[in-house]
Amino acid sequence: MVDQSTFSRENRERIQAVENSFGPSGRSLYHPGRFLIGEGRLRKQNRRRPQPKIFYLFNDVMVYGSIILNGRWHKKQKIIPLEDIQLEDLEDSARMKNQWLIRTPRKSFYVAAASYEEKKDWIKHIEDCRTRWLQGGVCRPTSDFAVTWIPDKASAICMRCCSKFTATQRRHHCRNCGYLVCASCSKQRTVIGHIHPTKQVRVCSKCHTTKEAEAKEIPCWRGDSTESMCTDENDVVAPTDVEDKEESMEDQSPSRWLDSRTLTYVYLKPEHRRP
């Protein structure tokens, strides 16, 4: 058992270590009352393929980023307030086992754990932390979420005009419907308030026509001091990035979680981790 003063000191040291792992490009993570609940590696579905990412769950936010230099350093830090998260459990797919969907106002994406038990642990801890955070009355849950993007490999043709994608006819994503579209079918730009309060983002011609017809009033943006304004158009690691080679999820160390009784961190027992 760890006493409260020791836990507070060690918690601040752990948060500082997470901050330092993102280098000078990372944002400050320490806030009074914030503590680390758990951490681990999950596989996140990007535009082209799933890639390992480091995830940290705090009592009020979730942080994730890319893994570099054999896991010693991280980059592309993203911070998501828990009130901005909605989860959906999913069945296994051919590409990803033990997956679920994380919806946020600016981007929604699929993630997968190394085992079914680890997936359930992540979902339970996120839901429990979110519930406790909202019960505190500090904030209200978000109701507008970004659509999930159709993966690049899902279609060889534009999903609006059916023209074939080539080296010069590139794929783009409509931010309103998530469809894969060509440049000709996505010339329009419009503001989607929950993605960005003022920046116009790419939409397909059909969605642009629909939004113009609706003349929908743009909701007031409440602001978020922790999240980057990036729309993640190219959330894919370039060949020149110093990123770890893709590794087997089963070979990774399991996620670890804070035990509220002892105020220590425990790992999921290996015998309970099945593929």
C-alpha atoms as a PDB file:
ATOM      1  CA  MET A   1       0.000   0.000   0.000  1.00  0.00           C
ATOM      2  CA  VAL A   2       1.279   3.460  -0.988  1.00  0.00           C
ATOM      3  CA  ASP A   3       0.299   6.462   1.134  1.00  0.00           C
ATOM      4  CA  GLN A   4      -1.422   9.429  -0.507  1.00  0.00           C
ATOM      5  CA  SER A   5       1.546  11.813  -0.311  1.00  0.00           C
ATOM      6  CA  THR A   6       3.866   9.265  -1.902  1.00  0.00           C
ATOM      7  CA  PHE A   7       1.308   8.552  -4.616  1.00  0.00           C
ATOM      8  CA  SER A   8       0.905  12.272  -5.386  1.00  0.00           C
ATOM      9  CA  ARG A   9       4.661  12.703  -5.752  1.00  0.00           C
ATOM     10  CA  GLU A  10       5.054   9.581  -7.892  1.00  0.00           C
ATOM     11  CA  ASN A  11       2.034  10.528 -10.005  1.00  0.00           C
ATOM     12  CA  ARG A  12       3.559  13.917 -10.796  1.00  0.00           C
ATOM     13  CA  GLU A  13       6.813  12.198 -11.745  1.00  0.00           C
ATOM     14  CA  ARG A  14       4.946   9.798 -14.034  1.00  0.00           C
ATOM     15  CA  ILE A  15       3.095  12.646 -15.751  1.00  0.00           C
ATOM     16  CA  GLN A  16       6.385  14.502 -16.192  1.00  0.00           C
ATOM     17  CA  ALA A  17       7.906  11.387 -17.767  1.00  0.00           C
ATOM     18  CA  VAL A  18       4.978  11.182 -20.228  1.00  0.00           C
ATOM     19  CA  GLU A  19       5.457  14.873 -21.076  1.00  0.00           C
ATOM     20  CA  ASN A  20       9.183  14.387 -21.614  1.00  0.00           C
ATOM     21  CA  SER A  21       8.634  11.393 -23.901  1.00  0.00           C
ATOM     22  CA  PHE A  22       6.991  13.712 -26.458  1.00  0.00           C
ATOM     23  CA  GLY A  23       9.932  16.125 -26.422  1.00  0.00           C
ATOM     24  CA  PRO A  24       9.627  19.890 -26.966  1.00  0.00           C
ATOM     25  CA  SER A  25       6.756  19.464 -29.441  1.00  0.00           C
ATOM     26  CA  GLY A  26       4.498  17.946 -26.771  1.00  0.00           C
ATOM     27  CA  ARG A  27       2.076  19.975 -24.694  1.00  0.00           C
ATOM     28  CA  SER A  28       2.107  20.244 -20.918  1.00  0.00           C
ATOM     29  CA  LEU A  29       0.088  17.492 -19.254  1.00  0.00           C
ATOM     30  CA  TYR A  30       0.274  18.330 -15.551  1.00  0.00           C
ATOM     31  CA  HIS A  31      -2.844  19.834 -13.994  1.00  0.00           C
ATOM     32  CA  PRO A  32      -3.847  19.772 -10.317  1.00  0.00           C
ATOM     33  CA  GLY A  33      -6.104  16.784  -9.706  1.00  0.00           C
ATOM     34  CA  ARG A  34      -5.008  14.902 -12.837  1.00  0.00           C
ATOM     35  CA  PHE A  35      -3.582  11.429 -12.384  1.00  0.00           C
ATOM     36  CA  LEU A  36      -2.547   8.599 -14.668  1.00  0.00           C
ATOM     37  CA  ILE A  37      -4.983   5.664 -14.775  1.00  0.00           C
ATOM     38  CA  GLY A  38      -3.229   3.417 -17.275  1.00  0.00           C
ATOM     39  CA  GLU A  39      -1.061   3.108 -20.344  1.00  0.00           C
ATOM     40  CA  GLY A  40      -0.311   0.709 -23.165  1.00  0.00           C
ATOM     41  CA  ARG A  41       0.127   0.179 -26.874  1.00  0.00           C
ATOM     42  CA  LEU A  42      -2.843  -0.144 -29.194  1.00  0.00           C
ATOM     43  CA  ARG A  43      -3.015  -0.481 -32.952  1.00  0.00           C
ATOM     44  CA  LYS A  44      -4.746   2.496 -34.601  1.00  0.00           C
ATOM     45  CA  GLN A  45      -6.247   2.232 -38.080  1.00  0.00           C
ATOM     46  CA  ASN A  46      -4.769   4.989 -40.236  1.00  0.00           C
ATOM     47  CA  ARG A  47      -5.635   5.750 -43.837  1.00  0.00           C
ATOM     48  CA  ARG A  48      -3.494   2.957 -45.254  1.00  0.00           C
ATOM     49  CA  ARG A  49      -2.967   0.398 -42.510  1.00  0.00           C
ATOM     50  CA  PRO A  50      -3.069  -0.150 -38.734  1.00  0.00           C
ATOM     51  CA  GLN A  51      -0.041   1.172 -36.838  1.00  0.00           C
ATOM     52  CA  PRO A  52       1.060   0.812 -33.189  1.00  0.00           C
ATOM     53  CA  LYS A  53       0.478   3.903 -31.041  1.00  0.00           C
ATOM     54  CA  ILE A  54       1.124   4.658 -27.393  1.00  0.00           C
ATOM     55  CA  PHE A  55      -2.006   5.503 -25.369  1.00  0.00           C
ATOM     56  CA  TYR A  56      -2.225   7.084 -21.908  1.00  0.00           C
ATOM     57  CA  LEU A  57      -5.492   7.287 -20.003  1.00  0.00           C
ATOM     58  CA  PHE A  58      -5.827   9.959 -17.319  1.00  0.00           C
ATOM     59  CA  ASN A  59      -8.859  10.644 -15.129  1.00  0.00           C
ATOM     60  CA  ASP A  60      -9.925  13.537 -17.406  1.00  0.00           C
ATOM     61  CA  VAL A  61      -8.184  13.117 -20.788  1.00  0.00           C
ATOM     62  CA  MET A  62      -6.775  10.482 -23.118  1.00  0.00           C
ATOM     63  CA  VAL A  63      -3.384  11.062 -24.771  1.00  0.00           C
ATOM     64  CA  TYR A  64      -1.874   9.159 -27.663  1.00  0.00           C
ATOM     65  CA  GLY A  65       0.974   9.488 -30.114  1.00  0.00           C
ATOM     66  CA  SER A  66       3.335   7.780 -32.535  1.00  0.00           C
ATOM     67  CA  ILE A  67       6.144   5.550 -31.301  1.00  0.00           C
ATOM     68  CA  ILE A  68       9.753   6.302 -32.316  1.00  0.00           C
ATOM     69  CA  LEU A  69      13.224   5.094 -31.391  1.00  0.00           C
ATOM     70  CA  ASN A  70      12.101   1.680 -30.117  1.00  0.00           C
ATOM     71  CA  GLY A  71       9.454   3.207 -27.888  1.00  0.00           C
ATOM     72  CA  ARG A  72      11.766   5.478 -25.924  1.00  0.00           C
ATOM     73  CA  TRP A  73      10.276   8.608 -27.502  1.00  0.00           C
ATOM     74  CA  HIS A  74       6.904   9.615 -28.895  1.00  0.00           C
ATOM     75  CA  LYS A  75       5.632  12.287 -31.278  1.00  0.00           C
ATOM     76  CA  LYS A  76       2.420  13.672 -32.841  1.00  0.00           C
ATOM     77  CA  GLN A  77       0.827  14.076 -29.422  1.00  0.00           C
ATOM     78  CA  LYS A  78      -2.977  14.160 -29.407  1.00  0.00           C
ATOM     79  CA  ILE A  79      -4.978  15.023 -26.281  1.00  0.00           C
ATOM     80  CA  ILE A  80      -8.706  14.255 -26.120  1.00  0.00           C
ATOM     81  CA  PRO A  81     -10.924  15.369 -23.200  1.00  0.00           C
ATOM     82  CA  LEU A  82     -12.969  12.433 -21.914  1.00  0.00           C
ATOM     83  CA  GLU A  83     -16.225  14.351 -22.364  1.00  0.00           C
ATOM     84  CA  ASP A  84     -15.410  14.402 -26.093  1.00  0.00           C
ATOM     85  CA  ILE A  85     -15.155  10.607 -26.376  1.00  0.00           C
ATOM     86  CA  GLN A  86     -17.783   8.060 -27.351  1.00  0.00           C
ATOM     87  CA  LEU A  87     -16.939   4.352 -27.649  1.00  0.00           C
ATOM     88  CA  GLU A  88     -18.498   1.595 -29.724  1.00  0.00           C
ATOM     89  CA  ASP A  89     -17.561  -2.056 -29.298  1.00  0.00           C
ATOM     90  CA  LEU A  90     -17.043  -3.885 -32.592  1.00  0.00           C
ATOM     91  CA  GLU A  91     -16.725  -7.439 -33.849  1.00  0.00           C
ATOM     92  CA  ASP A  92     -13.398  -8.636 -35.236  1.00  0.00           C
ATOM     93  CA  SER A  93     -12.683  -7.831 -38.875  1.00  0.00           C
ATOM     94  CA  ALA A  94     -10.309  -9.408 -41.367  1.00  0.00           C
ATOM     95  CA  ARG A  95      -7.830  -6.570 -40.804  1.00  0.00           C
ATOM     96  CA  MET A  96      -8.159  -5.971 -37.068  1.00  0.00           C
ATOM     97  CA  LYS A  97      -9.057  -8.261 -34.173  1.00  0.00           C
ATOM     98  CA  ASN A  98     -10.106  -7.016 -30.730  1.00  0.00           C
ATOM     99  CA  GLN A  99     -11.129  -3.664 -32.156  1.00  0.00           C
ATOM    100  CA  TRP A 100     -13.440  -0.857 -31.118  1.00  0.00           C
ATOM    101  CA  LEU A 101     -14.342   2.614 -32.364  1.00  0.00           C
ATOM    102  CA  ILE A 102     -13.361   5.857 -30.646  1.00  0.00           C
ATOM    103  CA  ARG A 103     -15.488   8.810 -31.735  1.00  0.00           C
ATOM    104  CA  THR A 104     -14.376  12.399 -31.095  1.00  0.00           C
ATOM    105  CA  PRO A 105     -15.575  15.732 -32.497  1.00  0.00           C
ATOM    106  CA  ARG A 106     -12.547  16.182 -34.762  1.00  0.00           C
ATOM    107  CA  LYS A 107     -11.698  12.647 -35.794  1.00  0.00           C
ATOM    108  CA  SER A 108     -13.138   9.199 -35.215  1.00  0.00           C
ATOM    109  CA  PHE A 109     -10.921   6.140 -35.551  1.00  0.00           C
ATOM    110  CA  TYR A 110     -10.612   2.399 -34.947  1.00  0.00           C
ATOM    111  CA  VAL A 111      -8.176   0.910 -32.442  1.00  0.00           C
ATOM    112  CA  ALA A 112      -7.330  -2.670 -31.503  1.00  0.00           C
ATOM    113  CA  ALA A 113      -5.718  -4.372 -28.504  1.00  0.00           C
ATOM    114  CA  ALA A 114      -3.501  -7.447 -28.384  1.00  0.00           C
ATOM    115  CA  SER A 115      -6.192  -9.563 -26.755  1.00  0.00           C
ATOM    116  CA  TYR A 116      -9.907  -9.620 -26.050  1.00  0.00           C
ATOM    117  CA  GLU A 117      -9.271  -9.143 -22.313  1.00  0.00           C
ATOM    118  CA  GLU A 118      -7.048  -6.122 -22.906  1.00  0.00           C
ATOM    119  CA  LYS A 119      -9.668  -4.617 -25.188  1.00  0.00           C
ATOM    120  CA  LYS A 120     -12.325  -5.034 -22.481  1.00  0.00           C
ATOM    121  CA  ASP A 121      -9.969  -3.487 -19.917  1.00  0.00           C
ATOM    122  CA  TRP A 122      -9.447  -0.402 -22.077  1.00  0.00           C
ATOM    123  CA  ILE A 123     -13.155   0.054 -22.793  1.00  0.00           C
ATOM    124  CA  LYS A 124     -14.108  -0.386 -19.134  1.00  0.00           C
ATOM    125  CA  HIS A 125     -11.459   2.014 -17.817  1.00  0.00           C
ATOM    126  CA  ILE A 126     -12.288   4.701 -20.397  1.00  0.00           C
ATOM    127  CA  GLU A 127     -16.024   4.423 -19.721  1.00  0.00           C
ATOM    128  CA  ASP A 128     -15.535   4.439 -15.933  1.00  0.00           C
ATOM    129  CA  CYS A 129     -13.230   7.488 -16.051  1.00  0.00           C
ATOM    130  CA  ARG A 130     -15.576   9.343 -18.395  1.00  0.00           C
ATOM    131  CA  THR A 131     -18.582   8.631 -16.163  1.00  0.00           C
ATOM    132  CA  ARG A 132     -16.805   9.829 -13.012  1.00  0.00           C
ATOM    133  CA  TRP A 133     -15.486  12.910 -14.814  1.00  0.00           C
ATOM    134  CA  LEU A 134     -18.940  13.915 -16.065  1.00  0.00           C
ATOM    135  CA  GLN A 135     -20.491  13.261 -12.646  1.00  0.00           C
ATOM    136  CA  GLY A 136     -18.180  15.919 -11.261  1.00  0.00           C
ATOM    137  CA  GLY A 137     -20.207  18.528 -13.139  1.00  0.00           C
ATOM    138  CA  VAL A 138     -17.114  20.270 -14.538  1.00  0.00           C
ATOM    139  CA  CYS A 139     -18.199  19.795 -18.157  1.00  0.00           C
ATOM    140  CA  ARG A 140     -20.929  18.425 -20.370  1.00  0.00           C
ATOM    141  CA  PRO A 141     -20.680  15.548 -22.862  1.00  0.00           C
ATOM    142  CA  THR A 142     -20.208  16.281 -26.539  1.00  0.00           C
ATOM    143  CA  SER A 143     -23.039  15.388 -28.922  1.00  0.00           C
ATOM    144  CA  ASP A 144     -21.380  16.012 -32.317  1.00  0.00           C
ATOM    145  CA  PHE A 145     -18.793  13.514 -33.539  1.00  0.00           C
ATOM    146  CA  ALA A 146     -16.697  13.230 -36.684  1.00  0.00           C
ATOM    147  CA  VAL A 147     -17.541  10.452 -39.114  1.00  0.00           C
ATOM    148  CA  THR A 148     -15.082   7.599 -39.616  1.00  0.00           C
ATOM    149  CA  TRP A 149     -13.127   7.722 -42.860  1.00  0.00           C
ATOM    150  CA  ILE A 150     -13.373   4.951 -45.422  1.00  0.00           C
ATOM    151  CA  PRO A 151      -9.872   3.316 -45.558  1.00  0.00           C
ATOM    152  CA  ASP A 152      -7.863   4.054 -48.713  1.00  0.00           C
ATOM    153  CA  LYS A 153      -7.801   0.408 -49.765  1.00  0.00           C
ATOM    154  CA  ALA A 154     -11.564   0.060 -49.529  1.00  0.00           C
ATOM    155  CA  SER A 155     -12.215   1.572 -52.948  1.00  0.00           C
ATOM    156  CA  ALA A 156     -10.268   1.894 -56.204  1.00  0.00           C
ATOM    157  CA  ILE A 157     -12.737   4.441 -57.570  1.00  0.00           C
ATOM    158  CA  CYS A 158     -14.245   7.738 -56.481  1.00  0.00           C
ATOM    159  CA  MET A 159     -17.354   7.014 -54.431  1.00  0.00           C
ATOM    160  CA  ARG A 160     -19.177   9.916 -56.095  1.00  0.00           C
ATOM    161  CA  CYS A 161     -18.288   9.927 -59.817  1.00  0.00           C
ATOM    162  CA  CYS A 162     -16.734   6.420 -60.067  1.00  0.00           C
ATOM    163  CA  SER A 163     -13.551   7.671 -61.762  1.00  0.00           C
ATOM    164  CA  LYS A 164     -10.543   5.435 -61.083  1.00  0.00           C
ATOM    165  CA  PHE A 165      -7.868   6.507 -58.616  1.00  0.00           C
ATOM    166  CA  THR A 166      -4.356   6.651 -60.079  1.00  0.00           C
ATOM    167  CA  ALA A 167      -0.951   8.102 -59.222  1.00  0.00           C
ATOM    168  CA  THR A 168      -2.209  11.487 -60.417  1.00  0.00           C
ATOM    169  CA  GLN A 169      -5.890  11.029 -59.504  1.00  0.00           C
ATOM    170  CA  ARG A 170      -5.405  10.921 -55.740  1.00  0.00           C
ATOM    171  CA  ARG A 171      -7.778   9.842 -52.995  1.00  0.00           C
ATOM    172  CA  HIS A 172      -9.291  12.444 -50.687  1.00  0.00           C
ATOM    173  CA  HIS A 173     -11.746  12.181 -47.810  1.00  0.00           C
ATOM    174  CA  CYS A 174     -14.933  14.161 -47.380  1.00  0.00           C
ATOM    175  CA  ARG A 175     -14.970  15.416 -43.789  1.00  0.00           C
ATOM    176  CA  ASN A 176     -18.754  15.281 -43.650  1.00  0.00           C
ATOM    177  CA  CYS A 177     -19.500  11.747 -44.904  1.00  0.00           C
ATOM    178  CA  GLY A 178     -16.048  10.094 -44.821  1.00  0.00           C
ATOM    179  CA  TYR A 179     -16.258   8.890 -48.432  1.00  0.00           C
ATOM    180  CA  LEU A 180     -13.219   8.437 -50.671  1.00  0.00           C
ATOM    181  CA  VAL A 181     -13.504  11.025 -53.446  1.00  0.00           C
ATOM    182  CA  CYS A 182     -11.407  12.495 -56.238  1.00  0.00           C
ATOM    183  CA  ALA A 183     -10.219  16.108 -56.400  1.00  0.00           C
ATOM    184  CA  SER A 184     -12.936  17.068 -58.884  1.00  0.00           C
ATOM    185  CA  CYS A 185     -15.643  15.819 -56.544  1.00  0.00           C
ATOM    186  CA  SER A 186     -14.176  17.553 -53.491  1.00  0.00           C
ATOM    187  CA  LYS A 187     -13.345  21.065 -54.636  1.00  0.00           C
ATOM    188  CA  GLN A 188     -15.675  22.637 -52.106  1.00  0.00           C
ATOM    189  CA  ARG A 189     -14.784  23.700 -48.582  1.00  0.00           C
ATOM    190  CA  THR A 190     -17.059  24.437 -45.666  1.00  0.00           C
ATOM    191  CA  VAL A 191     -16.912  24.910 -41.898  1.00  0.00           C
ATOM    192  CA  ILE A 192     -17.908  21.899 -39.791  1.00  0.00           C
ATOM    193  CA  GLY A 193     -18.043  23.355 -36.304  1.00  0.00           C
ATOM    194  CA  HIS A 194     -17.132  20.289 -34.274  1.00  0.00           C
ATOM    195  CA  ILE A 195     -14.023  19.670 -36.429  1.00  0.00           C
ATOM    196  CA  HIS A 196     -12.795  23.266 -36.410  1.00  0.00           C
ATOM    197  CA  PRO A 197     -14.614  26.459 -35.360  1.00  0.00           C
ATOM    198  CA  THR A 198     -13.480  28.605 -38.299  1.00  0.00           C
ATOM    199  CA  LYS A 199     -11.372  26.610 -40.733  1.00  0.00           C
ATOM    200  CA  GLN A 200     -13.064  25.417 -43.914  1.00  0.00           C
ATOM    201  CA  VAL A 201     -12.453  21.721 -44.536  1.00  0.00           C
ATOM    202  CA  ARG A 202     -12.768  19.513 -47.609  1.00  0.00           C
ATOM    203  CA  VAL A 203     -16.233  18.149 -48.399  1.00  0.00           C
ATOM    204  CA  CYS A 204     -17.611  16.312 -51.403  1.00  0.00           C
ATOM    205  CA  SER A 205     -19.957  18.057 -53.827  1.00  0.00           C
ATOM    206  CA  LYS A 206     -23.019  16.186 -52.561  1.00  0.00           C
ATOM    207  CA  CYS A 207     -22.399  17.078 -48.914  1.00  0.00           C
ATOM    208  CA  HIS A 208     -21.649  20.670 -49.844  1.00  0.00           C
ATOM    209  CA  THR A 209     -24.970  20.933 -51.691  1.00  0.00           C
ATOM    210  CA  THR A 210     -26.811  19.361 -48.776  1.00  0.00           C
ATOM    211  CA  LYS A 211     -25.220  21.656 -46.194  1.00  0.00           C
ATOM    212  CA  GLU A 212     -25.898  24.707 -48.320  1.00  0.00           C
ATOM    213  CA  ALA A 213     -29.536  23.685 -48.631  1.00  0.00           C
ATOM    214  CA  GLU A 214     -29.848  23.106 -44.907  1.00  0.00           C
ATOM    215  CA  ALA A 215     -28.168  26.469 -44.201  1.00  0.00           C
ATOM    216  CA  LYS A 216     -27.333  24.974 -40.850  1.00  0.00           C
ATOM    217  CA  GLU A 217     -26.202  27.421 -38.212  1.00  0.00           C
ATOM    218  CA  ILE A 218     -22.621  26.742 -37.135  1.00  0.00           C
ATOM    219  CA  PRO A 219     -22.590  25.798 -33.435  1.00  0.00           C
ATOM    220  CA  CYS A 220     -20.601  27.869 -30.983  1.00  0.00           C
ATOM    221  CA  TRP A 221     -17.212  26.301 -30.291  1.00  0.00           C
ATOM    222  CA  ARG A 222     -16.476  25.979 -26.609  1.00  0.00           C
ATOM    223  CA  GLY A 223     -12.723  25.860 -27.121  1.00  0.00           C
ATOM    224  CA  ASP A 224     -10.168  23.286 -26.094  1.00  0.00           C
ATOM    225  CA  SER A 225      -6.795  24.288 -24.784  1.00  0.00           C
ATOM    226  CA  THR A 226      -5.341  20.809 -25.015  1.00  0.00           C
ATOM    227  CA  GLU A 227      -6.107  19.495 -28.502  1.00  0.00           C
ATOM    228  CA  SER A 228      -4.209  20.349 -31.651  1.00  0.00           C
ATOM    229  CA  MET A 229      -6.242  22.007 -34.401  1.00  0.00           C
ATOM    230  CA  CYS A 230      -4.843  19.526 -36.922  1.00  0.00           C
ATOM    231  CA  THR A 231      -7.499  17.719 -38.991  1.00  0.00           C
ATOM    232  CA  ASP A 232      -5.198  14.728 -39.506  1.00  0.00           C
ATOM    233  CA  GLU A 233      -5.559  14.751 -43.292  1.00  0.00           C
ATOM    234  CA  ASN A 234      -2.333  12.809 -43.557  1.00  0.00           C
ATOM    235  CA  ASP A 235      -2.236  10.839 -40.329  1.00  0.00           C
ATOM    236  CA  VAL A 236       0.089   8.364 -42.005  1.00  0.00           C
ATOM    237  CA  VAL A 237       3.781   8.061 -41.269  1.00  0.00           C
ATOM    238  CA  ALA A 238       5.965   8.950 -44.228  1.00  0.00           C
ATOM    239  CA  PRO A 239       8.735   6.548 -45.255  1.00  0.00           C
ATOM    240  CA  THR A 240      11.349   8.992 -43.951  1.00  0.00           C
ATOM    241  CA  ASP A 241       9.915   9.056 -40.411  1.00  0.00           C
ATOM    242  CA  VAL A 242      11.976   7.307 -37.737  1.00  0.00           C
ATOM    243  CA  GLU A 243       9.093   5.079 -36.688  1.00  0.00           C
ATOM    244  CA  ASP A 244       9.361   1.598 -35.251  1.00  0.00           C
ATOM    245  CA  LYS A 245       8.770  -1.204 -37.716  1.00  0.00           C
ATOM    246  CA  GLU A 246       5.383  -2.834 -37.350  1.00  0.00           C
ATOM    247  CA  GLU A 247       5.470  -5.399 -34.585  1.00  0.00           C
ATOM    248  CA  SER A 248       3.288  -8.222 -33.391  1.00  0.00           C
ATOM    249  CA  MET A 249       0.752  -7.005 -30.849  1.00  0.00           C
ATOM    250  CA  GLU A 250       1.007 -10.336 -29.043  1.00  0.00           C
ATOM    251  CA  ASP A 251       4.727  -9.732 -28.399  1.00  0.00           C
ATOM    252  CA  GLN A 252       4.171  -6.402 -26.658  1.00  0.00           C
ATOM    253  CA  SER A 253       4.086  -5.790 -22.927  1.00  0.00           C
ATOM    254  CA  PRO A 254       0.478  -5.677 -21.694  1.00  0.00           C
ATOM    255  CA  SER A 255      -1.202  -2.450 -20.661  1.00  0.00           C
ATOM    256  CA  ARG A 256      -0.916  -1.512 -16.989  1.00  0.00           C
ATOM    257  CA  TRP A 257      -3.574   0.035 -14.775  1.00  0.00           C
ATOM    258  CA  LEU A 258      -3.772   1.873 -11.481  1.00  0.00           C
ATOM    259  CA  ASP A 259      -5.043  -0.314  -8.638  1.00  0.00           C
ATOM    260  CA  SER A 260      -7.190   2.060  -6.572  1.00  0.00           C
ATOM    261  CA  ARG A 261      -6.785  -0.068  -3.452  1.00  0.00           C
ATOM    262  CA  THR A 262      -2.986  -0.133  -3.345  1.00  0.00           C
ATOM    263  CA  LEU A 263      -2.315   2.994  -5.485  1.00  0.00           C
ATOM    264  CA  THR A 264       0.150   0.934  -7.528  1.00  0.00           C
ATOM    265  CA  TYR A 265       0.157  -0.062 -11.209  1.00  0.00           C
ATOM    266  CA  VAL A 266      -0.541  -3.646 -12.215  1.00  0.00           C
ATOM    267  CA  TYR A 267      -0.259  -5.469 -15.544  1.00  0.00           C
ATOM    268  CA  LEU A 268      -2.810  -7.784 -17.066  1.00  0.00           C
ATOM    269  CA  LYS A 269      -1.599 -11.271 -16.207  1.00  0.00           C
ATOM    270  CA  PRO A 270      -0.044 -13.026 -19.235  1.00  0.00           C
ATOM    271  CA  GLU A 271      -2.169 -16.151 -18.751  1.00  0.00           C
ATOM    272  CA  HIS A 272      -5.275 -14.015 -19.234  1.00  0.00           C
ATOM    273  CA  ARG A 273      -4.083 -12.582 -22.570  1.00  0.00           C
ATOM    274  CA  ARG A 274      -5.347 -14.656 -25.441  1.00  0.00           C
ATOM    275  CA  PRO A 275      -5.053 -13.731 -29.155  1.00  0.00           C
END
